[in-house]
Amino acid sequence: QSVLEALDLRFGPIPDGLRDSIEAIADPEKLRALHRAAIVSDSLDSFAASL
């Protein structure tokens, strides 16, 4: 959830496909890495490349 919140705050509404991909991830380490990526990425496209 924190990944989605960070993305929403930085970039606005998150496309459904990207949201679904993130919600399907259960690995805590991967989610932690994605949270960091959400904070430092320049764009949603840049973030999506880290998936």
PDB file of N, CA and C in Angstrom:
ATOM      1  N   GLN A   1       0.817  -1.202   0.000  1.00  0.00           N
ATOM      2  CA  GLN A   1       0.000   0.000   0.000  1.00  0.00           C
ATOM      3  C   GLN A   1       0.858   1.262   0.000  1.00  0.00           C
ATOM      4  N   SER A   2       1.959   1.247   0.709  1.00  0.00           N
ATOM      5  CA  SER A   2       2.802   2.443   0.759  1.00  0.00           C
ATOM      6  C   SER A   2       3.405   2.767  -0.602  1.00  0.00           C
ATOM      7  N   VAL A   3       3.631   1.746  -1.413  1.00  0.00           N
ATOM      8  CA  VAL A   3       4.144   1.981  -2.771  1.00  0.00           C
ATOM      9  C   VAL A   3       3.107   2.763  -3.566  1.00  0.00           C
ATOM     10  N   LEU A   4       1.870   2.331  -3.502  1.00  0.00           N
ATOM     11  CA  LEU A   4       0.801   3.004  -4.243  1.00  0.00           C
ATOM     12  C   LEU A   4       0.587   4.427  -3.737  1.00  0.00           C
ATOM     13  N   GLU A   5       0.660   4.622  -2.437  1.00  0.00           N
ATOM     14  CA  GLU A   5       0.495   5.967  -1.877  1.00  0.00           C
ATOM     15  C   GLU A   5       1.607   6.896  -2.348  1.00  0.00           C
ATOM     16  N   ALA A   6       2.836   6.401  -2.338  1.00  0.00           N
ATOM     17  CA  ALA A   6       3.964   7.223  -2.784  1.00  0.00           C
ATOM     18  C   ALA A   6       3.807   7.593  -4.254  1.00  0.00           C
ATOM     19  N   LEU A   7       3.409   6.627  -5.075  1.00  0.00           N
ATOM     20  CA  LEU A   7       3.221   6.913  -6.502  1.00  0.00           C
ATOM     21  C   LEU A   7       2.098   7.918  -6.719  1.00  0.00           C
ATOM     22  N   ASP A   8       0.998   7.731  -5.999  1.00  0.00           N
ATOM     23  CA  ASP A   8      -0.143   8.631  -6.151  1.00  0.00           C
ATOM     24  C   ASP A   8       0.218  10.056  -5.735  1.00  0.00           C
ATOM     25  N   LEU A   9       0.954  10.197  -4.656  1.00  0.00           N
ATOM     26  CA  LEU A   9       1.363  11.534  -4.207  1.00  0.00           C
ATOM     27  C   LEU A   9       2.299  12.206  -5.208  1.00  0.00           C
ATOM     28  N   ARG A  10       3.193  11.435  -5.785  1.00  0.00           N
ATOM     29  CA  ARG A  10       4.189  12.009  -6.693  1.00  0.00           C
ATOM     30  C   ARG A  10       3.642  12.249  -8.091  1.00  0.00           C
ATOM     31  N   PHE A  11       2.838  11.299  -8.609  1.00  0.00           N
ATOM     32  CA  PHE A  11       2.486  11.342 -10.027  1.00  0.00           C
ATOM     33  C   PHE A  11       0.989  11.419 -10.312  1.00  0.00           C
ATOM     34  N   GLY A  12       0.152  11.406  -9.281  1.00  0.00           N
ATOM     35  CA  GLY A  12      -1.285  11.444  -9.509  1.00  0.00           C
ATOM     36  C   GLY A  12      -1.842  10.042  -9.703  1.00  0.00           C
ATOM     37  N   PRO A  13      -3.019   9.955 -10.287  1.00  0.00           N
ATOM     38  CA  PRO A  13      -3.682   8.654 -10.432  1.00  0.00           C
ATOM     39  C   PRO A  13      -2.784   7.615 -11.118  1.00  0.00           C
ATOM     40  N   ILE A  14      -2.820   6.417 -10.581  1.00  0.00           N
ATOM     41  CA  ILE A  14      -1.995   5.322 -11.089  1.00  0.00           C
ATOM     42  C   ILE A  14      -2.826   4.497 -12.066  1.00  0.00           C
ATOM     43  N   PRO A  15      -2.296   4.225 -13.253  1.00  0.00           N
ATOM     44  CA  PRO A  15      -3.038   3.390 -14.213  1.00  0.00           C
ATOM     45  C   PRO A  15      -3.376   2.023 -13.608  1.00  0.00           C
ATOM     46  N   ASP A  16      -4.559   1.514 -13.952  1.00  0.00           N
ATOM     47  CA  ASP A  16      -5.036   0.258 -13.368  1.00  0.00           C
ATOM     48  C   ASP A  16      -4.062  -0.898 -13.570  1.00  0.00           C
ATOM     49  N   GLY A  17      -3.466  -1.006 -14.744  1.00  0.00           N
ATOM     50  CA  GLY A  17      -2.541  -2.106 -15.013  1.00  0.00           C
ATOM     51  C   GLY A  17      -1.335  -2.070 -14.097  1.00  0.00           C
ATOM     52  N   LEU A  18      -0.804  -0.888 -13.874  1.00  0.00           N
ATOM     53  CA  LEU A  18       0.343  -0.734 -12.978  1.00  0.00           C
ATOM     54  C   LEU A  18      -0.067  -1.036 -11.542  1.00  0.00           C
ATOM     55  N   ARG A  19      -1.230  -0.536 -11.155  1.00  0.00           N
ATOM     56  CA  ARG A  19      -1.755  -0.798  -9.802  1.00  0.00           C
ATOM     57  C   ARG A  19      -1.913  -2.309  -9.586  1.00  0.00           C
ATOM     58  N   ASP A  20      -2.486  -2.997 -10.560  1.00  0.00           N
ATOM     59  CA  ASP A  20      -2.692  -4.444 -10.442  1.00  0.00           C
ATOM     60  C   ASP A  20      -1.364  -5.184 -10.312  1.00  0.00           C
ATOM     61  N   SER A  21      -0.366  -4.764 -11.080  1.00  0.00           N
ATOM     62  CA  SER A  21       0.951  -5.412 -11.023  1.00  0.00           C
ATOM     63  C   SER A  21       1.571  -5.259  -9.643  1.00  0.00           C
ATOM     64  N   ILE A  22       1.453  -4.076  -9.066  1.00  0.00           N
ATOM     65  CA  ILE A  22       2.026  -3.830  -7.737  1.00  0.00           C
ATOM     66  C   ILE A  22       1.270  -4.625  -6.676  1.00  0.00           C
ATOM     67  N   GLU A  23      -0.057  -4.631  -6.768  1.00  0.00           N
ATOM     68  CA  GLU A  23      -0.861  -5.341  -5.770  1.00  0.00           C
ATOM     69  C   GLU A  23      -0.628  -6.848  -5.809  1.00  0.00           C
ATOM     70  N   ALA A  24      -0.154  -7.374  -6.935  1.00  0.00           N
ATOM     71  CA  ALA A  24       0.092  -8.811  -7.061  1.00  0.00           C
ATOM     72  C   ALA A  24       1.406  -9.240  -6.409  1.00  0.00           C
ATOM     73  N   ILE A  25       2.243  -8.288  -6.022  1.00  0.00           N
ATOM     74  CA  ILE A  25       3.547  -8.606  -5.439  1.00  0.00           C
ATOM     75  C   ILE A  25       3.394  -8.851  -3.940  1.00  0.00           C
ATOM     76  N   ALA A  26       3.880 -10.013  -3.498  1.00  0.00           N
ATOM     77  CA  ALA A  26       3.769 -10.376  -2.084  1.00  0.00           C
ATOM     78  C   ALA A  26       5.117 -10.356  -1.366  1.00  0.00           C
ATOM     79  N   ASP A  27       6.196 -10.316  -2.099  1.00  0.00           N
ATOM     80  CA  ASP A  27       7.537 -10.370  -1.508  1.00  0.00           C
ATOM     81  C   ASP A  27       7.878  -9.048  -0.819  1.00  0.00           C
ATOM     82  N   PRO A  28       8.068  -9.067   0.503  1.00  0.00           N
ATOM     83  CA  PRO A  28       8.349  -7.825   1.241  1.00  0.00           C
ATOM     84  C   PRO A  28       9.599  -7.093   0.757  1.00  0.00           C
ATOM     85  N   GLU A  29      10.637  -7.828   0.390  1.00  0.00           N
ATOM     86  CA  GLU A  29      11.867  -7.183  -0.093  1.00  0.00           C
ATOM     87  C   GLU A  29      11.620  -6.453  -1.409  1.00  0.00           C
ATOM     88  N   LYS A  30      10.872  -7.079  -2.303  1.00  0.00           N
ATOM     89  CA  LYS A  30      10.550  -6.443  -3.590  1.00  0.00           C
ATOM     90  C   LYS A  30       9.697  -5.200  -3.349  1.00  0.00           C
ATOM     91  N   LEU A  31       8.742  -5.284  -2.436  1.00  0.00           N
ATOM     92  CA  LEU A  31       7.893  -4.130  -2.133  1.00  0.00           C
ATOM     93  C   LEU A  31       8.702  -2.989  -1.524  1.00  0.00           C
ATOM     94  N   ARG A  32       9.671  -3.323  -0.669  1.00  0.00           N
ATOM     95  CA  ARG A  32      10.543  -2.293  -0.095  1.00  0.00           C
ATOM     96  C   ARG A  32      11.342  -1.598  -1.187  1.00  0.00           C
ATOM     97  N   ALA A  33      11.879  -2.383  -2.117  1.00  0.00           N
ATOM     98  CA  ALA A  33      12.650  -1.816  -3.223  1.00  0.00           C
ATOM     99  C   ALA A  33      11.760  -0.947  -4.111  1.00  0.00           C
ATOM    100  N   LEU A  34      10.528  -1.381  -4.339  1.00  0.00           N
ATOM    101  CA  LEU A  34       9.604  -0.591  -5.157  1.00  0.00           C
ATOM    102  C   LEU A  34       9.206   0.702  -4.450  1.00  0.00           C
ATOM    103  N   HIS A  35       9.082   0.659  -3.133  1.00  0.00           N
ATOM    104  CA  HIS A  35       8.757   1.875  -2.386  1.00  0.00           C
ATOM    105  C   HIS A  35       9.869   2.902  -2.562  1.00  0.00           C
ATOM    106  N   ARG A  36      11.111   2.439  -2.456  1.00  0.00           N
ATOM    107  CA  ARG A  36      12.245   3.345  -2.684  1.00  0.00           C
ATOM    108  C   ARG A  36      12.216   3.891  -4.106  1.00  0.00           C
ATOM    109  N   ALA A  37      11.944   3.011  -5.071  1.00  0.00           N
ATOM    110  CA  ALA A  37      11.893   3.437  -6.473  1.00  0.00           C
ATOM    111  C   ALA A  37      10.779   4.459  -6.685  1.00  0.00           C
ATOM    112  N   ALA A  38       9.648   4.281  -6.007  1.00  0.00           N
ATOM    113  CA  ALA A  38       8.538   5.226  -6.140  1.00  0.00           C
ATOM    114  C   ALA A  38       8.939   6.612  -5.656  1.00  0.00           C
ATOM    115  N   ILE A  39       9.799   6.658  -4.661  1.00  0.00           N
ATOM    116  CA  ILE A  39      10.223   7.940  -4.098  1.00  0.00           C
ATOM    117  C   ILE A  39      11.237   8.648  -4.993  1.00  0.00           C
ATOM    118  N   VAL A  40      12.120   7.895  -5.631  1.00  0.00           N
ATOM    119  CA  VAL A  40      13.213   8.524  -6.383  1.00  0.00           C
ATOM    120  C   VAL A  40      13.020   8.553  -7.898  1.00  0.00           C
ATOM    121  N   SER A  41      12.041   7.835  -8.425  1.00  0.00           N
ATOM    122  CA  SER A  41      11.841   7.797  -9.882  1.00  0.00           C
ATOM    123  C   SER A  41      11.406   9.153 -10.415  1.00  0.00           C
ATOM    124  N   ASP A  42      11.847   9.447 -11.629  1.00  0.00           N
ATOM    125  CA  ASP A  42      11.499  10.712 -12.274  1.00  0.00           C
ATOM    126  C   ASP A  42      10.103  10.707 -12.888  1.00  0.00           C
ATOM    127  N   SER A  43       9.575   9.508 -13.165  1.00  0.00           N
ATOM    128  CA  SER A  43       8.273   9.408 -13.822  1.00  0.00           C
ATOM    129  C   SER A  43       7.671   8.036 -13.538  1.00  0.00           C
ATOM    130  N   LEU A  44       6.388   7.882 -13.866  1.00  0.00           N
ATOM    131  CA  LEU A  44       5.761   6.570 -13.732  1.00  0.00           C
ATOM    132  C   LEU A  44       6.413   5.565 -14.665  1.00  0.00           C
ATOM    133  N   ASP A  45       6.788   6.007 -15.862  1.00  0.00           N
ATOM    134  CA  ASP A  45       7.452   5.101 -16.804  1.00  0.00           C
ATOM    135  C   ASP A  45       8.771   4.604 -16.233  1.00  0.00           C
ATOM    136  N   SER A  46       9.513   5.503 -15.633  1.00  0.00           N
ATOM    137  CA  SER A  46      10.779   5.125 -15.003  1.00  0.00           C
ATOM    138  C   SER A  46      10.531   4.131 -13.871  1.00  0.00           C
ATOM    139  N   PHE A  47       9.508   4.374 -13.073  1.00  0.00           N
ATOM    140  CA  PHE A  47       9.170   3.449 -11.997  1.00  0.00           C
ATOM    141  C   PHE A  47       8.770   2.092 -12.564  1.00  0.00           C
ATOM    142  N   ALA A  48       7.919   2.086 -13.578  1.00  0.00           N
ATOM    143  CA  ALA A  48       7.428   0.832 -14.155  1.00  0.00           C
ATOM    144  C   ALA A  48       8.578  -0.024 -14.682  1.00  0.00           C
ATOM    145  N   ALA A  49       9.644   0.607 -15.125  1.00  0.00           N
ATOM    146  CA  ALA A  49      10.804  -0.137 -15.616  1.00  0.00           C
ATOM    147  C   ALA A  49      11.465  -0.934 -14.495  1.00  0.00           C
ATOM    148  N   SER A  50      11.232  -0.554 -13.243  1.00  0.00           N
ATOM    149  CA  SER A  50      11.839  -1.272 -12.123  1.00  0.00           C
ATOM    150  C   SER A  50      11.018  -2.482 -11.689  1.00  0.00           C
ATOM    151  N   LEU A  51       9.846  -2.667 -12.282  1.00  0.00           N
ATOM    152  CA  LEU A  51       9.017  -3.828 -11.932  1.00  0.00           C
ATOM    153  C   LEU A  51       9.597  -5.113 -12.478  1.00  0.00           C
TER     154      LEU A  51
END
